[in-house]
Amino acid sequence: MHEAQVHCVPMASPSDVSEVARLIDEGRVSAADIVAVFAQTEGDGYARGFAAQSLEILFSERLKIDREEVRQRVPMLMIGGTAGIMTPHINLFVKRPSSARPSGQKRLALGVKSSRVLLPEEYGTMVQIEEVARTVREAIADAGITDAADVHCVEVKCPAMTPGRVQDAQRRGKRVVNTKPAAASSLAKGASALGVAVALGEIDASTLSDEVICRNWDLYSRVASTSAGGEQVACRVVVIGNSTASSSELIAGHGVMTDQLDLAGAYEAFRSAGLSVSDGVLVAEDRPRVRAVFVNAGADFAPGVRGRRHTMHSDFLWSYSGWQAKAVAHAVVSAIMGDTLLLASAGAEHQGPPGANLVCVIAGP
């Protein structure tokens, strides 16, 4: 029996892992029980890599294993880039042995698995959908979740296309879905989200093909949050849900904001985690109960909100539209929560209805 935990700590810089070290050194967390990391890092992709490297070094030292083994053992889902009032931070997913008997109530359960290594020509195709679906099913089983309705968030970090990977495929006589890395990576994120949807029964696999990926926006998952990174070669999957077999004190919940103004959808996420919202904000006595909040933002997908246009794709900062989308969603949910320590990622590729925000909340007793 394992107890699922989530610990959220702030970062003072991309290399700052001092709060994680403190949790380990004070005995609150055993490095051996850390099964995944989900972090919001500041700066560009290099800063994101620096943050991951800093964690790898810390875990390597504490576990007395080499960094390559750390990479294989602990998936690091690092979300780079902050905007607005976003706070860089690290979420540690922990599964520690427990002799406590489950209460019979549904409590937090975590499942972590990785797919096989994907070839560049498989990114953004049915092959990736099938591999992610299989891996998500394995992660659900790893979490001890028996009902797909109890899955409240599935985080996937998949490989991004790079010029080197395009060239590798071409040298072997293979074709990639798109020779433009950004476009191919978007397709890879879409395939990952559709794989989640298939695993959870949100979509019938027989309706899918390479042609629908990032084209048919009527197909999506309501709990998938996917991102791509050049450091990845496989799809790293973290399933967050609840199970009666769990001995955790925490509980997960989720909601869907159909657009950036859909406060009711955000409220549902907090309420489904057992928290109370009054007068539009989380009640003061419940604020200390929040352990982690994850938002997947889709504002940059739609050209406007409720008939009003925005300029994310046409104004001076158009190249940072994803960061703007994150900032908007983060600000809205932070206002409800009364705290900026929540993670926001941007992704519209089959991750919820077009233009939606997906919100996951983990709360304690």
Protein backbone atom coordinates (compact mmCIF):
# COMPACT_ATOMS: atom_id res chain seq x y z
CA MET A 1 0.00 0.00 0.00
CA HIS A 2 1.23 3.48 -0.89
CA GLU A 3 0.22 6.95 0.21
CA ALA A 4 0.09 9.57 -2.55
CA GLN A 5 1.36 13.04 -1.71
CA VAL A 6 1.99 16.29 -3.57
CA HIS A 7 4.37 18.94 -2.25
CA CYS A 8 4.46 22.39 -3.88
CA VAL A 9 7.45 24.67 -3.21
CA PRO A 10 8.51 28.01 -4.78
CA MET A 11 11.73 28.66 -6.71
CA ALA A 12 13.85 31.79 -6.29
CA SER A 13 15.66 31.18 -9.61
CA PRO A 14 15.85 28.51 -12.35
CA SER A 15 18.55 26.67 -10.41
CA ASP A 16 16.91 26.99 -6.99
CA VAL A 17 16.08 23.56 -5.58
CA SER A 18 16.72 24.54 -1.97
CA GLU A 19 13.11 24.01 -0.88
CA VAL A 20 13.11 20.51 -2.37
CA ALA A 21 16.39 19.78 -0.58
CA ARG A 22 14.88 21.06 2.66
CA LEU A 23 11.89 18.70 2.37
CA ILE A 24 14.29 15.79 1.91
CA ASP A 25 16.79 16.83 4.57
CA GLU A 26 14.05 17.44 7.16
CA GLY A 27 12.65 13.98 6.52
CA ARG A 28 9.31 15.20 5.22
CA VAL A 29 9.97 13.53 1.87
CA SER A 30 12.23 10.60 1.02
CA ALA A 31 14.06 11.08 -2.27
CA ALA A 32 13.39 7.39 -2.99
CA ASP A 33 9.62 8.05 -2.90
CA ILE A 34 9.60 10.88 -5.47
CA VAL A 35 7.98 9.44 -8.59
CA ALA A 36 7.65 12.56 -10.78
CA VAL A 37 8.16 16.32 -10.92
CA PHE A 38 5.84 18.90 -12.43
CA ALA A 39 7.37 22.39 -12.43
CA GLN A 40 6.74 25.92 -13.66
CA THR A 41 10.06 27.47 -14.62
CA GLU A 42 10.94 30.99 -15.68
CA GLY A 43 12.76 31.95 -18.85
CA ASP A 44 13.37 30.09 -22.09
CA GLY A 45 14.03 26.46 -22.89
CA TYR A 46 17.61 26.72 -21.70
CA ALA A 47 16.47 27.96 -18.29
CA ARG A 48 13.96 25.10 -18.21
CA GLY A 49 16.78 22.67 -18.91
CA PHE A 50 18.90 24.29 -16.21
CA ALA A 51 16.08 23.75 -13.70
CA ALA A 52 15.75 20.10 -14.67
CA GLN A 53 19.53 19.67 -14.44
CA SER A 54 19.56 21.18 -10.95
CA LEU A 55 16.93 18.70 -9.80
CA GLU A 56 18.78 15.82 -11.44
CA ILE A 57 21.95 16.74 -9.55
CA LEU A 58 20.07 16.98 -6.24
CA PHE A 59 18.32 13.64 -6.71
CA SER A 60 21.54 12.03 -7.89
CA GLU A 61 23.31 13.15 -4.73
CA ARG A 62 20.51 12.11 -2.38
CA LEU A 63 19.84 8.77 -4.07
CA LYS A 64 23.51 8.06 -4.80
CA ILE A 65 22.80 7.14 -8.41
CA ASP A 66 24.00 8.72 -11.64
CA ARG A 67 22.03 11.40 -13.44
CA GLU A 68 21.04 9.14 -16.32
CA GLU A 69 19.35 6.79 -13.86
CA VAL A 70 17.58 9.79 -12.34
CA ARG A 71 16.23 10.72 -15.79
CA GLN A 72 14.86 7.23 -16.28
CA ARG A 73 13.46 6.97 -12.77
CA VAL A 74 11.85 10.38 -12.22
CA PRO A 75 9.91 11.94 -15.11
CA MET A 76 10.34 15.71 -15.06
CA LEU A 77 7.48 17.56 -16.69
CA MET A 78 8.95 21.05 -16.84
CA ILE A 79 6.76 23.88 -18.15
CA GLY A 80 8.94 26.78 -19.24
CA GLY A 81 7.98 30.43 -19.43
CA THR A 82 6.15 32.62 -16.95
CA ALA A 83 4.15 35.78 -17.59
CA GLY A 84 2.00 38.17 -15.62
CA ILE A 85 2.08 37.27 -11.92
CA MET A 86 2.97 33.61 -12.35
CA THR A 87 5.24 32.19 -9.63
CA PRO A 88 7.96 29.68 -10.60
CA HIS A 89 7.63 26.56 -8.48
CA ILE A 90 8.09 22.80 -8.22
CA ASN A 91 5.47 20.14 -7.55
CA LEU A 92 6.83 16.86 -6.20
CA PHE A 93 4.67 13.78 -6.75
CA VAL A 94 5.38 11.28 -4.00
CA LYS A 95 4.26 7.69 -3.39
CA ARG A 96 5.48 6.41 -0.07
CA PRO A 97 4.86 3.03 1.58
CA SER A 98 2.02 3.12 4.07
CA SER A 99 0.52 0.62 6.49
CA ALA A 100 -2.61 2.72 6.95
CA ARG A 101 -5.82 1.07 5.88
CA PRO A 102 -7.86 2.91 3.22
CA SER A 103 -10.91 4.67 4.61
CA GLY A 104 -13.10 3.41 1.80
CA GLN A 105 -13.51 6.96 0.52
CA LYS A 106 -11.96 8.05 -2.76
CA ARG A 107 -8.60 9.67 -2.11
CA LEU A 108 -5.65 10.85 -4.18
CA ALA A 109 -3.97 8.21 -6.32
CA LEU A 110 -1.00 8.74 -8.65
CA GLY A 111 0.14 6.64 -11.58
CA VAL A 112 3.41 7.24 -13.43
CA LYS A 113 4.56 5.44 -16.57
CA SER A 114 6.62 6.06 -19.69
CA SER A 115 6.03 4.88 -23.23
CA ARG A 116 8.70 3.23 -25.32
CA VAL A 117 11.09 5.53 -27.16
CA LEU A 118 9.29 7.03 -30.16
CA LEU A 119 10.93 7.55 -33.54
CA PRO A 120 10.68 11.04 -35.09
CA GLU A 121 8.49 9.73 -37.92
CA GLU A 122 5.99 8.49 -35.29
CA TYR A 123 5.46 11.91 -33.70
CA GLY A 124 1.97 13.27 -34.33
CA THR A 125 0.62 10.03 -35.82
CA MET A 126 -1.72 7.18 -34.91
CA VAL A 127 1.32 5.33 -33.62
CA GLN A 128 1.79 7.98 -30.96
CA ILE A 129 -1.91 7.98 -30.11
CA GLU A 130 -1.81 4.22 -29.56
CA GLU A 131 1.39 4.34 -27.52
CA VAL A 132 0.07 7.11 -25.27
CA ALA A 133 -3.26 5.31 -24.81
CA ARG A 134 -1.45 2.15 -23.75
CA THR A 135 0.83 4.07 -21.38
CA VAL A 136 -2.09 5.96 -19.82
CA ARG A 137 -3.89 2.67 -19.17
CA GLU A 138 -0.77 1.36 -17.47
CA ALA A 139 -0.53 4.51 -15.36
CA ILE A 140 -4.19 4.21 -14.34
CA ALA A 141 -3.53 0.64 -13.22
CA ASP A 142 -0.38 1.81 -11.40
CA ALA A 143 -2.55 4.32 -9.52
CA GLY A 144 -5.06 1.65 -8.53
CA ILE A 145 -7.87 3.56 -10.23
CA THR A 146 -10.66 1.31 -11.49
CA ASP A 147 -13.07 3.87 -12.91
CA ALA A 148 -12.04 6.31 -15.66
CA ALA A 149 -14.43 8.86 -14.14
CA ASP A 150 -12.06 9.08 -11.16
CA VAL A 151 -9.21 10.40 -13.33
CA HIS A 152 -9.02 14.17 -12.89
CA CYS A 153 -5.87 15.07 -14.80
CA VAL A 154 -3.41 13.36 -17.11
CA GLU A 155 -0.13 15.17 -17.67
CA VAL A 156 1.92 14.09 -20.68
CA LYS A 157 5.36 15.33 -21.65
CA CYS A 158 6.11 14.08 -25.15
CA PRO A 159 9.12 14.46 -27.46
CA ALA A 160 9.32 17.67 -29.46
CA MET A 161 10.48 17.64 -33.05
CA THR A 162 13.90 19.17 -33.62
CA PRO A 163 15.94 19.82 -36.78
CA GLY A 164 18.24 16.97 -35.78
CA ARG A 165 15.32 14.56 -35.47
CA VAL A 166 13.98 15.61 -38.86
CA GLN A 167 17.38 14.90 -40.37
CA ASP A 168 17.63 11.55 -38.58
CA ALA A 169 14.34 10.41 -40.08
CA GLN A 170 15.32 11.62 -43.55
CA ARG A 171 18.66 9.78 -43.40
CA ARG A 172 16.73 6.58 -42.73
CA GLY A 173 14.37 7.28 -45.62
CA LYS A 174 11.42 8.14 -43.37
CA ARG A 175 9.02 11.09 -43.53
CA VAL A 176 7.98 13.16 -40.55
CA VAL A 177 4.52 14.72 -40.21
CA ASN A 178 5.98 18.18 -40.78
CA THR A 179 9.54 19.34 -41.36
CA LYS A 180 8.85 22.50 -39.36
CA PRO A 181 9.67 21.55 -35.76
CA ALA A 182 7.00 23.77 -34.17
CA ALA A 183 4.22 22.38 -36.37
CA ALA A 184 5.36 18.79 -35.85
CA SER A 185 5.57 19.31 -32.08
CA SER A 186 2.03 20.69 -32.05
CA LEU A 187 0.85 17.54 -33.81
CA ALA A 188 2.72 15.46 -31.25
CA LYS A 189 0.93 17.24 -28.42
CA GLY A 190 -2.38 16.68 -30.18
CA ALA A 191 -1.68 12.98 -30.66
CA SER A 192 -0.80 12.71 -26.96
CA ALA A 193 -4.09 14.32 -25.91
CA LEU A 194 -6.07 12.04 -28.23
CA GLY A 195 -4.23 9.07 -26.73
CA VAL A 196 -5.44 10.16 -23.30
CA ALA A 197 -8.99 10.47 -24.63
CA VAL A 198 -8.86 6.97 -26.09
CA ALA A 199 -7.55 5.47 -22.84
CA LEU A 200 -10.32 7.11 -20.83
CA GLY A 201 -13.09 6.20 -23.27
CA GLU A 202 -13.75 9.82 -24.20
CA ILE A 203 -13.18 8.98 -27.87
CA ASP A 204 -13.60 5.74 -29.81
CA ALA A 205 -10.24 4.84 -31.34
CA SER A 206 -11.98 3.63 -34.50
CA THR A 207 -12.91 7.24 -35.32
CA LEU A 208 -9.28 8.37 -35.38
CA SER A 209 -6.66 8.59 -38.11
CA ASP A 210 -3.57 10.64 -38.87
CA GLU A 211 -5.80 13.07 -40.77
CA VAL A 212 -7.87 14.16 -37.74
CA ILE A 213 -4.91 15.13 -35.55
CA CYS A 214 -4.97 18.92 -35.02
CA ARG A 215 -7.71 19.19 -37.62
CA ASN A 216 -10.94 17.88 -36.10
CA TRP A 217 -11.40 20.03 -33.01
CA ASP A 218 -14.60 18.24 -32.01
CA LEU A 219 -12.32 15.50 -30.66
CA TYR A 220 -10.67 16.18 -27.31
CA SER A 221 -10.03 15.07 -23.75
CA ARG A 222 -11.41 16.99 -20.79
CA VAL A 223 -8.52 16.04 -18.50
CA ALA A 224 -5.44 15.89 -20.77
CA SER A 225 -2.64 18.44 -20.48
CA THR A 226 0.21 17.83 -22.89
CA SER A 227 3.48 19.57 -23.65
CA ALA A 228 6.53 18.75 -25.73
CA GLY A 229 10.24 18.97 -24.99
CA GLY A 230 13.35 18.34 -27.01
CA GLU A 231 14.85 16.58 -23.99
CA GLN A 232 12.21 13.84 -24.21
CA VAL A 233 12.46 10.70 -26.34
CA ALA A 234 9.42 8.94 -24.87
CA CYS A 235 6.04 10.09 -23.58
CA ARG A 236 6.15 10.55 -19.81
CA VAL A 237 2.71 10.20 -18.25
CA VAL A 238 1.38 11.19 -14.82
CA VAL A 239 -2.20 10.24 -13.97
CA ILE A 240 -3.87 12.15 -11.12
CA GLY A 241 -7.13 10.80 -9.72
CA ASN A 242 -8.87 9.25 -6.75
CA SER A 243 -9.28 5.66 -5.60
CA THR A 244 -10.96 3.88 -2.69
CA ALA A 245 -7.78 1.80 -2.44
CA SER A 246 -5.72 4.91 -1.58
CA SER A 247 -4.67 5.70 1.99
CA SER A 248 -3.85 9.32 1.14
CA GLU A 249 -5.42 12.22 3.02
CA LEU A 250 -5.58 14.26 -0.19
CA ILE A 251 -8.27 14.41 -2.85
CA ALA A 252 -8.20 15.52 -6.48
CA GLY A 253 -10.91 17.27 -8.46
CA HIS A 254 -11.25 19.04 -11.78
CA GLY A 255 -13.41 21.41 -13.79
CA VAL A 256 -13.55 22.76 -17.33
CA MET A 257 -13.70 26.47 -18.05
CA THR A 258 -15.31 26.59 -21.50
CA ASP A 259 -13.69 30.00 -22.01
CA GLN A 260 -11.63 32.53 -20.07
CA LEU A 261 -14.71 34.06 -18.42
CA ASP A 262 -16.28 30.77 -17.30
CA LEU A 263 -15.84 31.18 -13.56
CA ALA A 264 -18.38 28.46 -12.85
CA GLY A 265 -16.08 25.90 -14.48
CA ALA A 266 -13.20 27.01 -12.25
CA TYR A 267 -15.41 26.92 -9.16
CA GLU A 268 -16.37 23.33 -10.01
CA ALA A 269 -12.71 22.29 -9.90
CA PHE A 270 -12.33 23.59 -6.33
CA ARG A 271 -15.66 22.21 -5.18
CA SER A 272 -14.97 18.77 -6.66
CA ALA A 273 -11.84 18.66 -4.47
CA GLY A 274 -14.00 19.32 -1.40
CA LEU A 275 -13.30 23.05 -1.12
CA SER A 276 -15.85 25.83 -0.67
CA VAL A 277 -16.22 28.93 -2.83
CA SER A 278 -18.20 31.90 -1.55
CA ASP A 279 -18.69 35.31 -3.15
CA GLY A 280 -16.46 34.20 -6.01
CA VAL A 281 -13.41 33.24 -3.97
CA LEU A 282 -12.16 30.28 -2.00
CA VAL A 283 -13.28 30.65 1.61
CA ALA A 284 -10.43 31.71 3.91
CA GLU A 285 -10.48 28.56 6.04
CA ASP A 286 -10.02 26.35 2.97
CA ARG A 287 -7.05 28.19 1.46
CA PRO A 288 -4.48 26.30 3.59
CA ARG A 289 -5.99 23.04 2.35
CA VAL A 290 -4.89 23.63 -1.25
CA ARG A 291 -1.88 21.45 -2.09
CA ALA A 292 -1.57 22.08 -5.83
CA VAL A 293 -3.48 23.58 -8.75
CA PHE A 294 -2.83 22.93 -12.44
CA VAL A 295 -4.41 24.91 -15.27
CA ASN A 296 -4.12 24.12 -18.96
CA ALA A 297 -4.90 27.32 -20.89
CA GLY A 298 -6.41 27.48 -24.36
CA ALA A 299 -7.11 31.19 -24.82
CA ASP A 300 -4.61 31.57 -27.66
CA PHE A 301 -6.47 29.01 -29.78
CA ALA A 302 -9.64 31.06 -30.25
CA PRO A 303 -9.62 34.47 -31.99
CA GLY A 304 -11.81 35.99 -29.29
CA VAL A 305 -13.91 35.46 -26.19
CA ARG A 306 -17.72 35.62 -26.29
CA GLY A 307 -17.81 37.68 -29.44
CA ARG A 308 -15.03 40.06 -28.43
CA ARG A 309 -11.80 39.77 -30.39
CA HIS A 310 -8.38 39.72 -28.80
CA THR A 311 -4.99 40.41 -30.37
CA MET A 312 -2.88 37.52 -29.09
CA HIS A 313 -1.98 36.55 -32.64
CA SER A 314 -1.69 40.00 -34.20
CA ASP A 315 -0.26 42.44 -31.66
CA PHE A 316 3.36 43.14 -30.78
CA LEU A 317 3.67 40.08 -28.52
CA TRP A 318 2.03 37.65 -30.96
CA SER A 319 4.98 35.25 -30.77
CA TYR A 320 4.29 34.88 -27.05
CA SER A 321 0.59 34.08 -27.40
CA GLY A 322 0.96 30.90 -25.36
CA TRP A 323 2.54 32.84 -22.51
CA GLN A 324 -0.28 35.38 -22.70
CA ALA A 325 -2.85 32.58 -22.54
CA LYS A 326 -1.14 31.17 -19.47
CA ALA A 327 -1.05 34.58 -17.82
CA VAL A 328 -4.77 35.14 -18.37
CA ALA A 329 -5.84 31.73 -17.05
CA HIS A 330 -3.40 31.97 -14.16
CA ALA A 331 -4.70 35.38 -13.10
CA VAL A 332 -8.34 34.27 -13.18
CA VAL A 333 -7.78 31.12 -11.13
CA SER A 334 -5.30 32.85 -8.79
CA ALA A 335 -7.96 35.45 -7.96
CA ILE A 336 -10.33 32.67 -6.89
CA MET A 337 -7.62 30.88 -4.95
CA GLY A 338 -6.10 33.98 -3.33
CA ASP A 339 -2.59 32.79 -4.19
CA THR A 340 -0.31 32.85 -7.24
CA LEU A 341 1.34 29.49 -6.50
CA LEU A 342 -0.39 27.50 -9.22
CA LEU A 343 0.92 26.01 -12.45
CA ALA A 344 -0.34 27.15 -15.84
CA SER A 345 0.56 25.57 -19.15
CA ALA A 346 -0.70 26.47 -22.61
CA GLY A 347 -2.03 23.93 -25.07
CA ALA A 348 -5.13 23.70 -27.20
CA GLU A 349 -4.29 20.61 -29.26
CA HIS A 350 -7.31 18.44 -28.32
CA GLN A 351 -6.88 19.48 -24.68
CA GLY A 352 -10.46 20.36 -23.86
CA PRO A 353 -12.98 22.20 -26.03
CA PRO A 354 -11.35 24.85 -28.27
CA GLY A 355 -10.46 27.91 -26.19
CA ALA A 356 -11.11 26.16 -22.87
CA ASN A 357 -9.10 26.00 -19.65
CA LEU A 358 -8.76 22.68 -17.85
CA VAL A 359 -8.36 23.05 -14.08
CA CYS A 360 -7.19 20.38 -11.64
CA VAL A 361 -7.13 20.94 -7.86
CA ILE A 362 -5.53 18.78 -5.18
CA ALA A 363 -6.60 19.49 -1.62
CA GLY A 364 -5.80 18.22 1.86
CA PRO A 365 -7.96 17.66 4.95
